[in-house]
PDB file of N, CA and C in Angstrom:
ATOM      1  N   UNK A   1       0.907  -1.061   0.002  1.00  0.00           N
ATOM      2  CA  UNK A   1      -0.031  -0.373   0.103  1.00  0.00           C
ATOM      3  C   UNK A   1       0.698   1.245  -0.029  1.00  0.00           C
ATOM      4  N   UNK A   2       0.430   2.268  -0.975  1.00  0.00           N
ATOM      5  CA  UNK A   2       1.656   3.450  -0.941  1.00  0.00           C
ATOM      6  C   UNK A   2       0.767   4.457  -1.126  1.00  0.00           C
ATOM      7  N   UNK A   3       0.911   5.620  -0.194  1.00  0.00           N
ATOM      8  CA  UNK A   3       0.332   6.680   0.163  1.00  0.00           C
ATOM      9  C   UNK A   3       1.535   7.677  -0.485  1.00  0.00           C
ATOM     10  N   UNK A   4       0.707   8.510  -1.790  1.00  0.00           N
ATOM     11  CA  UNK A   4       1.603   9.392  -2.362  1.00  0.00           C
ATOM     12  C   UNK A   4       1.196  11.021  -2.355  1.00  0.00           C
ATOM     13  N   UNK A   5       1.591  11.590  -1.554  1.00  0.00           N
ATOM     14  CA  UNK A   5       1.438  13.056  -1.101  1.00  0.00           C
ATOM     15  C   UNK A   5       2.177  14.010  -1.838  1.00  0.00           C
ATOM     16  N   UNK A   6       1.337  14.872  -2.870  1.00  0.00           N
ATOM     17  CA  UNK A   6       1.871  15.726  -3.573  1.00  0.00           C
ATOM     18  C   UNK A   6       2.478  16.932  -3.209  1.00  0.00           C
ATOM     19  N   UNK A   7       3.923  17.177  -3.133  1.00  0.00           N
ATOM     20  CA  UNK A   7       4.615  18.603  -2.485  1.00  0.00           C
ATOM     21  C   UNK A   7       4.540  19.629  -3.136  1.00  0.00           C
ATOM     22  N   UNK A   8       4.696  20.782  -2.832  1.00  0.00           N
ATOM     23  CA  UNK A   8       4.527  22.040  -3.348  1.00  0.00           C
ATOM     24  C   UNK A   8       5.441  22.427  -4.676  1.00  0.00           C
ATOM     25  N   UNK A   9       6.325  21.358  -4.853  1.00  0.00           N
ATOM     26  CA  UNK A   9       7.288  21.847  -6.267  1.00  0.00           C
ATOM     27  C   UNK A   9       7.481  20.488  -6.812  1.00  0.00           C
ATOM     28  N   UNK A  10       7.956  20.294  -7.879  1.00  0.00           N
ATOM     29  CA  UNK A  10       8.610  18.797  -8.447  1.00  0.00           C
ATOM     30  C   UNK A  10       9.486  18.226  -7.890  1.00  0.00           C
ATOM     31  N   UNK A  11      10.106  18.629  -6.982  1.00  0.00           N
ATOM     32  CA  UNK A  11      11.352  18.050  -6.585  1.00  0.00           C
ATOM     33  C   UNK A  11      11.315  17.492  -4.989  1.00  0.00           C
ATOM     34  N   UNK A  12      11.506  18.319  -4.104  1.00  0.00           N
ATOM     35  CA  UNK A  12      11.635  18.036  -2.519  1.00  0.00           C
ATOM     36  C   UNK A  12      10.752  18.777  -1.858  1.00  0.00           C
ATOM     37  N   UNK A  13       9.727  19.629  -2.151  1.00  0.00           N
ATOM     38  CA  UNK A  13       9.128  20.394  -1.311  1.00  0.00           C
ATOM     39  C   UNK A  13       9.932  21.773  -1.236  1.00  0.00           C
ATOM     40  N   UNK A  14       9.147  22.428  -0.579  1.00  0.00           N
ATOM     41  CA  UNK A  14       9.909  23.693   0.094  1.00  0.00           C
ATOM     42  C   UNK A  14      10.549  23.248   1.577  1.00  0.00           C
ATOM     43  N   UNK A  15      11.097  24.136   1.802  1.00  0.00           N
ATOM     44  CA  UNK A  15      12.112  24.007   3.023  1.00  0.00           C
ATOM     45  C   UNK A  15      11.015  23.726   4.229  1.00  0.00           C
ATOM     46  N   UNK A  16      11.363  22.323   5.124  1.00  0.00           N
ATOM     47  CA  UNK A  16      10.497  21.891   6.091  1.00  0.00           C
ATOM     48  C   UNK A  16       9.141  21.365   6.054  1.00  0.00           C
ATOM     49  N   UNK A  17       8.828  21.094   4.618  1.00  0.00           N
ATOM     50  CA  UNK A  17       7.847  20.632   4.186  1.00  0.00           C
ATOM     51  C   UNK A  17       7.454  19.371   4.387  1.00  0.00           C
ATOM     52  N   UNK A  18       8.468  18.347   4.107  1.00  0.00           N
ATOM     53  CA  UNK A  18       8.485  17.181   4.498  1.00  0.00           C
ATOM     54  C   UNK A  18       8.678  16.743   5.647  1.00  0.00           C
ATOM     55  N   UNK A  19       9.433  17.594   6.492  1.00  0.00           N
ATOM     56  CA  UNK A  19       9.605  17.247   7.973  1.00  0.00           C
ATOM     57  C   UNK A  19       8.049  17.726   8.725  1.00  0.00           C
ATOM     58  N   UNK A  20       7.144  18.114   7.921  1.00  0.00           N
ATOM     59  CA  UNK A  20       5.639  18.521   8.480  1.00  0.00           C
ATOM     60  C   UNK A  20       4.889  17.201   8.365  1.00  0.00           C
ATOM     61  N   UNK A  21       5.410  16.514   7.312  1.00  0.00           N
ATOM     62  CA  UNK A  21       4.708  15.077   6.950  1.00  0.00           C
ATOM     63  C   UNK A  21       5.013  14.013   7.998  1.00  0.00           C
ATOM     64  N   UNK A  22       5.806  14.045   8.691  1.00  0.00           N
ATOM     65  CA  UNK A  22       6.724  12.684   9.544  1.00  0.00           C
ATOM     66  C   UNK A  22       5.254  12.600  10.511  1.00  0.00           C
ATOM     67  N   UNK A  23       4.851  13.404  11.315  1.00  0.00           N
ATOM     68  CA  UNK A  23       3.742  12.972  11.990  1.00  0.00           C
ATOM     69  C   UNK A  23       2.891  12.344  11.650  1.00  0.00           C
ATOM     70  N   UNK A  24       2.175  12.730  10.458  1.00  0.00           N
ATOM     71  CA  UNK A  24       1.321  11.869   9.614  1.00  0.00           C
ATOM     72  C   UNK A  24       1.567  10.727   9.020  1.00  0.00           C
ATOM     73  N   UNK A  25       2.584  10.362   8.966  1.00  0.00           N
ATOM     74  CA  UNK A  25       3.466   9.067   9.012  1.00  0.00           C
ATOM     75  C   UNK A  25       3.648   8.108  10.181  1.00  0.00           C
ATOM     76  N   UNK A  26       3.619   8.835  11.502  1.00  0.00           N
ATOM     77  CA  UNK A  26       3.831   8.234  12.382  1.00  0.00           C
ATOM     78  C   UNK A  26       2.160   7.976  13.202  1.00  0.00           C
ATOM     79  N   UNK A  27       1.152   8.983  12.739  1.00  0.00           N
ATOM     80  CA  UNK A  27      -0.279   8.751  12.774  1.00  0.00           C
ATOM     81  C   UNK A  27      -0.532   7.475  11.990  1.00  0.00           C
ATOM     82  N   UNK A  28      -0.228   7.452  10.996  1.00  0.00           N
ATOM     83  CA  UNK A  28      -0.719   6.311   9.994  1.00  0.00           C
ATOM     84  C   UNK A  28      -0.178   4.839  10.480  1.00  0.00           C
ATOM     85  N   UNK A  29       0.992   4.910  10.675  1.00  0.00           N
ATOM     86  CA  UNK A  29       1.754   3.680  11.182  1.00  0.00           C
ATOM     87  C   UNK A  29       1.181   3.358  12.709  1.00  0.00           C
ATOM     88  N   UNK A  30       0.697   4.216  13.390  1.00  0.00           N
ATOM     89  CA  UNK A  30      -0.277   3.542  14.716  1.00  0.00           C
ATOM     90  C   UNK A  30      -1.665   3.104  14.451  1.00  0.00           C
ATOM     91  N   UNK A  31      -2.335   3.894  13.390  1.00  0.00           N
ATOM     92  CA  UNK A  31      -3.525   3.468  13.017  1.00  0.00           C
ATOM     93  C   UNK A  31      -3.952   2.256  12.345  1.00  0.00           C
ATOM     94  N   UNK A  32      -3.081   1.637  11.713  1.00  0.00           N
ATOM     95  CA  UNK A  32      -2.805   0.486  10.723  1.00  0.00           C
ATOM     96  C   UNK A  32      -2.244  -0.580  11.410  1.00  0.00           C
ATOM     97  N   UNK A  33      -1.787  -0.726  12.817  1.00  0.00           N
ATOM     98  CA  UNK A  33      -0.952  -1.711  13.478  1.00  0.00           C
ATOM     99  C   UNK A  33      -1.953  -2.770  13.474  1.00  0.00           C
ATOM    100  N   UNK A  34      -1.207  -3.986  13.311  1.00  0.00           N
ATOM    101  CA  UNK A  34      -2.134  -5.223  13.158  1.00  0.00           C
ATOM    102  C   UNK A  34      -2.511  -5.662  11.882  1.00  0.00           C
ATOM    103  N   UNK A  35      -2.520  -4.729  11.079  1.00  0.00           N
ATOM    104  CA  UNK A  35      -2.982  -5.144   9.692  1.00  0.00           C
ATOM    105  C   UNK A  35      -1.987  -4.830   8.269  1.00  0.00           C
ATOM    106  N   UNK A  36      -1.081  -3.564   9.055  1.00  0.00           N
ATOM    107  CA  UNK A  36      -0.207  -2.934   8.065  1.00  0.00           C
ATOM    108  C   UNK A  36       1.020  -2.854   8.780  1.00  0.00           C
ATOM    109  N   UNK A  37       2.351  -2.795   8.082  1.00  0.00           N
ATOM    110  CA  UNK A  37       3.309  -2.651   8.608  1.00  0.00           C
ATOM    111  C   UNK A  37       4.205  -1.436   7.862  1.00  0.00           C
ATOM    112  N   UNK A  38       4.659  -0.531   8.555  1.00  0.00           N
ATOM    113  CA  UNK A  38       5.410   0.964   7.493  1.00  0.00           C
ATOM    114  C   UNK A  38       6.599   0.035   7.447  1.00  0.00           C
ATOM    115  N   UNK A  39       7.048   0.494   5.796  1.00  0.00           N
ATOM    116  CA  UNK A  39       8.094  -0.361   5.037  1.00  0.00           C
ATOM    117  C   UNK A  39       9.080   0.640   5.146  1.00  0.00           C
ATOM    118  N   UNK A  40       8.685   1.977   4.647  1.00  0.00           N
ATOM    119  CA  UNK A  40       9.874   3.117   4.066  1.00  0.00           C
ATOM    120  C   UNK A  40       8.919   4.399   3.801  1.00  0.00           C
ATOM    121  N   UNK A  41       9.736   5.264   3.410  1.00  0.00           N
ATOM    122  CA  UNK A  41       9.048   6.545   3.053  1.00  0.00           C
ATOM    123  C   UNK A  41      10.160   6.941   2.193  1.00  0.00           C
ATOM    124  N   UNK A  42       9.644   7.812   0.886  1.00  0.00           N
ATOM    125  CA  UNK A  42      10.712   8.237   0.155  1.00  0.00           C
ATOM    126  C   UNK A  42      10.309   9.846  -0.824  1.00  0.00           C
ATOM    127  N   UNK A  43      11.045  10.986  -0.473  1.00  0.00           N
ATOM    128  CA  UNK A  43      10.931  11.980  -1.037  1.00  0.00           C
ATOM    129  C   UNK A  43      11.376  12.181  -2.321  1.00  0.00           C
ATOM    130  N   UNK A  44      10.866  12.520  -3.269  1.00  0.00           N
ATOM    131  CA  UNK A  44      11.299  12.899  -4.526  1.00  0.00           C
ATOM    132  C   UNK A  44      10.398  13.027  -5.546  1.00  0.00           C
ATOM    133  N   UNK A  45      10.648  13.724  -6.728  1.00  0.00           N
ATOM    134  CA  UNK A  45       9.942  14.185  -8.039  1.00  0.00           C
ATOM    135  C   UNK A  45       8.597  14.787  -7.604  1.00  0.00           C
ATOM    136  N   UNK A  46       8.512  15.800  -6.672  1.00  0.00           N
ATOM    137  CA  UNK A  46       7.340  16.245  -6.062  1.00  0.00           C
ATOM    138  C   UNK A  46       6.255  15.331  -5.285  1.00  0.00           C
ATOM    139  N   UNK A  47       6.855  14.088  -4.715  1.00  0.00           N
ATOM    140  CA  UNK A  47       5.988  13.491  -3.817  1.00  0.00           C
ATOM    141  C   UNK A  47       6.925  13.021  -2.539  1.00  0.00           C
ATOM    142  N   UNK A  48       5.718  12.800  -1.527  1.00  0.00           N
ATOM    143  CA  UNK A  48       6.208  12.127  -0.399  1.00  0.00           C
ATOM    144  C   UNK A  48       5.612  11.225  -0.316  1.00  0.00           C
ATOM    145  N   UNK A  49       6.297   9.857  -0.420  1.00  0.00           N
ATOM    146  CA  UNK A  49       5.582   8.645  -0.516  1.00  0.00           C
ATOM    147  C   UNK A  49       5.781   7.671   0.855  1.00  0.00           C
ATOM    148  N   UNK A  50       4.671   7.131   1.298  1.00  0.00           N
ATOM    149  CA  UNK A  50       4.901   6.297   2.451  1.00  0.00           C
ATOM    150  C   UNK A  50       4.401   4.846   1.788  1.00  0.00           C
ATOM    151  N   UNK A  51       5.270   3.842   2.368  1.00  0.00           N
ATOM    152  CA  UNK A  51       4.804   2.445   1.706  1.00  0.00           C
ATOM    153  C   UNK A  51       4.707   1.939   3.113  1.00  0.00           C
ATOM    154  N   UNK A  52       3.589   0.939   3.024  1.00  0.00           N
ATOM    155  CA  UNK A  52       2.953  -0.193   3.807  1.00  0.00           C
ATOM    156  C   UNK A  52       3.214  -1.172   3.198  1.00  0.00           C
ATOM    157  N   UNK A  53       3.248  -2.568   4.113  1.00  0.00           N
ATOM    158  CA  UNK A  53       2.926  -3.953   3.701  1.00  0.00           C
ATOM    159  C   UNK A  53       1.804  -4.292   4.623  1.00  0.00           C
ATOM    160  N   UNK A  54       0.982  -4.660   3.886  1.00  0.00           N
ATOM    161  CA  UNK A  54      -0.537  -4.641   4.527  1.00  0.00           C
ATOM    162  C   UNK A  54      -1.109  -6.263   4.485  1.00  0.00           C
ATOM    163  N   UNK A  55      -0.854  -6.664   5.185  1.00  0.00           N
ATOM    164  CA  UNK A  55      -1.904  -8.186   5.189  1.00  0.00           C
ATOM    165  C   UNK A  55      -2.919  -8.030   4.711  1.00  0.00           C
ATOM    166  N   UNK A  56      -4.121  -6.823   4.788  1.00  0.00           N
ATOM    167  CA  UNK A  56      -5.519  -6.787   4.525  1.00  0.00           C
ATOM    168  C   UNK A  56      -5.300  -5.204   4.327  1.00  0.00           C
ATOM    169  N   UNK A  57      -5.500  -4.856   3.228  1.00  0.00           N
ATOM    170  CA  UNK A  57      -5.302  -3.781   2.473  1.00  0.00           C
ATOM    171  C   UNK A  57      -6.588  -2.814   2.708  1.00  0.00           C
ATOM    172  N   UNK A  58      -7.674  -3.845   2.575  1.00  0.00           N
ATOM    173  CA  UNK A  58      -9.080  -2.757   2.656  1.00  0.00           C
ATOM    174  C   UNK A  58      -9.217  -2.183   4.198  1.00  0.00           C
ATOM    175  N   UNK A  59      -9.066  -3.265   4.953  1.00  0.00           N
ATOM    176  CA  UNK A  59      -9.110  -2.864   6.543  1.00  0.00           C
ATOM    177  C   UNK A  59      -7.774  -1.723   7.063  1.00  0.00           C
ATOM    178  N   UNK A  60      -6.611  -1.810   6.198  1.00  0.00           N
ATOM    179  CA  UNK A  60      -5.724  -0.956   6.396  1.00  0.00           C
ATOM    180  C   UNK A  60      -6.407   0.497   6.047  1.00  0.00           C
ATOM    181  N   UNK A  61      -6.758   0.837   4.703  1.00  0.00           N
ATOM    182  CA  UNK A  61      -7.414   1.868   4.334  1.00  0.00           C
ATOM    183  C   UNK A  61      -8.315   2.738   5.137  1.00  0.00           C
ATOM    184  N   UNK A  62      -9.244   1.776   5.940  1.00  0.00           N
ATOM    185  CA  UNK A  62     -10.309   2.106   6.689  1.00  0.00           C
ATOM    186  C   UNK A  62      -9.636   2.668   7.901  1.00  0.00           C
ATOM    187  N   UNK A  63      -8.882   1.907   8.782  1.00  0.00           N
ATOM    188  CA  UNK A  63      -8.291   2.104   9.791  1.00  0.00           C
ATOM    189  C   UNK A  63      -7.394   3.302   9.771  1.00  0.00           C
ATOM    190  N   UNK A  64      -6.498   3.617   8.485  1.00  0.00           N
ATOM    191  CA  UNK A  64      -5.863   5.134   8.152  1.00  0.00           C
ATOM    192  C   UNK A  64      -6.598   6.173   8.407  1.00  0.00           C
ATOM    193  N   UNK A  65      -7.845   5.994   7.343  1.00  0.00           N
ATOM    194  CA  UNK A  65      -8.687   7.072   6.878  1.00  0.00           C
ATOM    195  C   UNK A  65      -9.226   7.583   8.412  1.00  0.00           C
ATOM    196  N   UNK A  66      -9.684   6.311   9.244  1.00  0.00           N
ATOM    197  CA  UNK A  66     -10.371   6.909  10.812  1.00  0.00           C
ATOM    198  C   UNK A  66      -9.026   7.313  11.543  1.00  0.00           C
ATOM    199  N   UNK A  67      -7.816   6.952  11.692  1.00  0.00           N
ATOM    200  CA  UNK A  67      -6.570   7.614  12.388  1.00  0.00           C
ATOM    201  C   UNK A  67      -6.424   8.989  12.117  1.00  0.00           C
ATOM    202  N   UNK A  68      -6.699   9.089  10.805  1.00  0.00           N
ATOM    203  CA  UNK A  68      -6.345  10.729  10.314  1.00  0.00           C
ATOM    204  C   UNK A  68      -7.457  11.735  10.608  1.00  0.00           C
ATOM    205  N   UNK A  69      -8.367  11.055  10.645  1.00  0.00           N
ATOM    206  CA  UNK A  69      -9.533  12.060  10.959  1.00  0.00           C
ATOM    207  C   UNK A  69      -9.351  12.555  12.186  1.00  0.00           C
ATOM    208  N   UNK A  70      -8.673  11.618  13.347  1.00  0.00           N
ATOM    209  CA  UNK A  70      -8.924  11.985  14.926  1.00  0.00           C
ATOM    210  C   UNK A  70      -7.818  12.774  15.263  1.00  0.00           C
ATOM    211  N   UNK A  71      -6.834  13.214  14.304  1.00  0.00           N
ATOM    212  CA  UNK A  71      -5.891  13.851  14.762  1.00  0.00           C
ATOM    213  C   UNK A  71      -6.138  15.488  14.490  1.00  0.00           C
TER     214      UNK A  71
END
């Protein structure tokens, strides 16, 4: 499961932009615990990509959606 977040430019985003996304990554990791595991993240090409290995992708998506609404 990959979440691609568009950055403000086509490279690495503006100064500090990607650092602001790390709390979201942490929230998602906690939200999907038990059905998905954080693999890594990659920054470049205008995107911040967060990768998860999901045993149940549908449930992981539901849990991630609920987790991000509560923040």
